[in-house]
C-alpha atoms as a PDB file:
ATOM      1  CA  MET A   1       0.140   0.086   0.104  1.00  0.00           C
ATOM      2  CA  LEU A   2       2.665   2.471   0.566  1.00  0.00           C
ATOM      3  CA  LYS A   3       4.092   1.711  -2.916  1.00  0.00           C
ATOM      4  CA  LEU A   4       0.622   3.014  -3.995  1.00  0.00           C
ATOM      5  CA  ALA A   5       0.868   5.847  -2.004  1.00  0.00           C
ATOM      6  CA  VAL A   6       4.387   6.751  -3.463  1.00  0.00           C
ATOM      7  CA  LEU A   7       3.289   6.040  -7.121  1.00  0.00           C
ATOM      8  CA  PHE A   8       0.428   8.714  -6.771  1.00  0.00           C
ATOM      9  CA  LEU A   9       2.735  11.178  -5.529  1.00  0.00           C
ATOM     10  CA  VAL A  10       5.091  10.740  -8.511  1.00  0.00           C
ATOM     11  CA  ILE A  11       2.078  10.811 -10.474  1.00  0.00           C
ATOM     12  CA  ALA A  12       1.093  14.188  -8.645  1.00  0.00           C
ATOM     13  CA  LEU A  13       4.486  15.725  -8.928  1.00  0.00           C
ATOM     14  CA  ILE A  14       4.830  14.878 -12.666  1.00  0.00           C
ATOM     15  CA  ALA A  15       1.220  16.317 -13.259  1.00  0.00           C
ATOM     16  CA  ALA A  16       2.032  19.619 -11.357  1.00  0.00           C
ATOM     17  CA  LEU A  17       5.264  19.820 -13.338  1.00  0.00           C
ATOM     18  CA  PHE A  18       3.437  19.728 -16.443  1.00  0.00           C
ATOM     19  CA  GLY A  19       0.415  21.803 -15.358  1.00  0.00           C
ATOM     20  CA  PHE A  20      -2.176  19.485 -15.096  1.00  0.00           C
ATOM     21  CA  GLY A  21      -3.767  21.371 -12.110  1.00  0.00           C
ATOM     22  CA  GLY A  22      -6.511  19.247 -11.428  1.00  0.00           C
ATOM     23  CA  LEU A  23      -5.108  15.812 -12.046  1.00  0.00           C
ATOM     24  CA  ALA A  24      -2.183  16.461  -9.580  1.00  0.00           C
ATOM     25  CA  GLY A  25      -4.345  17.817  -6.904  1.00  0.00           C
ATOM     26  CA  THR A  26      -6.341  14.488  -7.026  1.00  0.00           C
ATOM     27  CA  ALA A  27      -3.445  12.249  -6.974  1.00  0.00           C
ATOM     28  CA  THR A  28      -2.188  14.360  -4.000  1.00  0.00           C
ATOM     29  CA  ASN A  29      -5.494  13.336  -1.765  1.00  0.00           C
ATOM     30  CA  ILE A  30      -5.103  10.062  -3.189  1.00  0.00           C
ATOM     31  CA  ALA A  31      -1.408   9.818  -1.994  1.00  0.00           C
ATOM     32  CA  GLN A  32      -2.316  11.251   1.366  1.00  0.00           C
ATOM     33  CA  ILE A  33      -5.134   8.705   1.936  1.00  0.00           C
ATOM     34  CA  LEU A  34      -3.381   5.858   1.097  1.00  0.00           C
ATOM     35  CA  PHE A  35      -0.325   7.025   3.326  1.00  0.00           C
ATOM     36  CA  PHE A  36      -2.412   7.414   6.247  1.00  0.00           C
ATOM     37  CA  VAL A  37      -4.424   4.406   5.690  1.00  0.00           C
ATOM     38  CA  PHE A  38      -0.916   2.379   5.296  1.00  0.00           C
ATOM     39  CA  LEU A  39       0.437   4.219   8.582  1.00  0.00           C
ATOM     40  CA  VAL A  40      -2.943   3.101  10.373  1.00  0.00           C
ATOM     41  CA  ILE A  41      -2.217  -0.364   9.252  1.00  0.00           C
ATOM     42  CA  PHE A  42       1.117  -0.274  10.481  1.00  0.00           C
ATOM     43  CA  LEU A  43       0.574   1.474  13.890  1.00  0.00           C
ATOM     44  CA  GLY A  44      -2.171  -1.715  14.915  1.00  0.00           C
ATOM     45  CA  SER A  45       0.330  -4.466  13.683  1.00  0.00           C
ATOM     46  CA  LEU A  46       2.922  -2.918  15.703  1.00  0.00           C
ATOM     47  CA  VAL A  47       0.389  -2.742  18.813  1.00  0.00           C
ATOM     48  CA  LEU A  48      -0.954  -6.265  18.045  1.00  0.00           C
ATOM     49  CA  GLY A  49       2.527  -7.418  17.713  1.00  0.00           C
ATOM     50  CA  LEU A  50       3.453  -6.163  21.107  1.00  0.00           C
ATOM     51  CA  VAL A  51       0.276  -7.444  22.911  1.00  0.00           C
ATOM     52  CA  ARG A  52       0.867 -10.919  22.011  1.00  0.00           C
ATOM     53  CA  ARG A  53       4.315 -11.057  23.188  1.00  0.00           C
END
């Protein structure tokens, strides 16, 4: 999932470079959402891993 967030971030940067404002904004929003979802899943698995020990 982190790879998808990075992919959308790269797409947003390339689109911003070429001046596609709407596409860059959309890709940036998707990258942010995927990053935060990944972060929540990572923290959840970290906590559950520590609880099981």
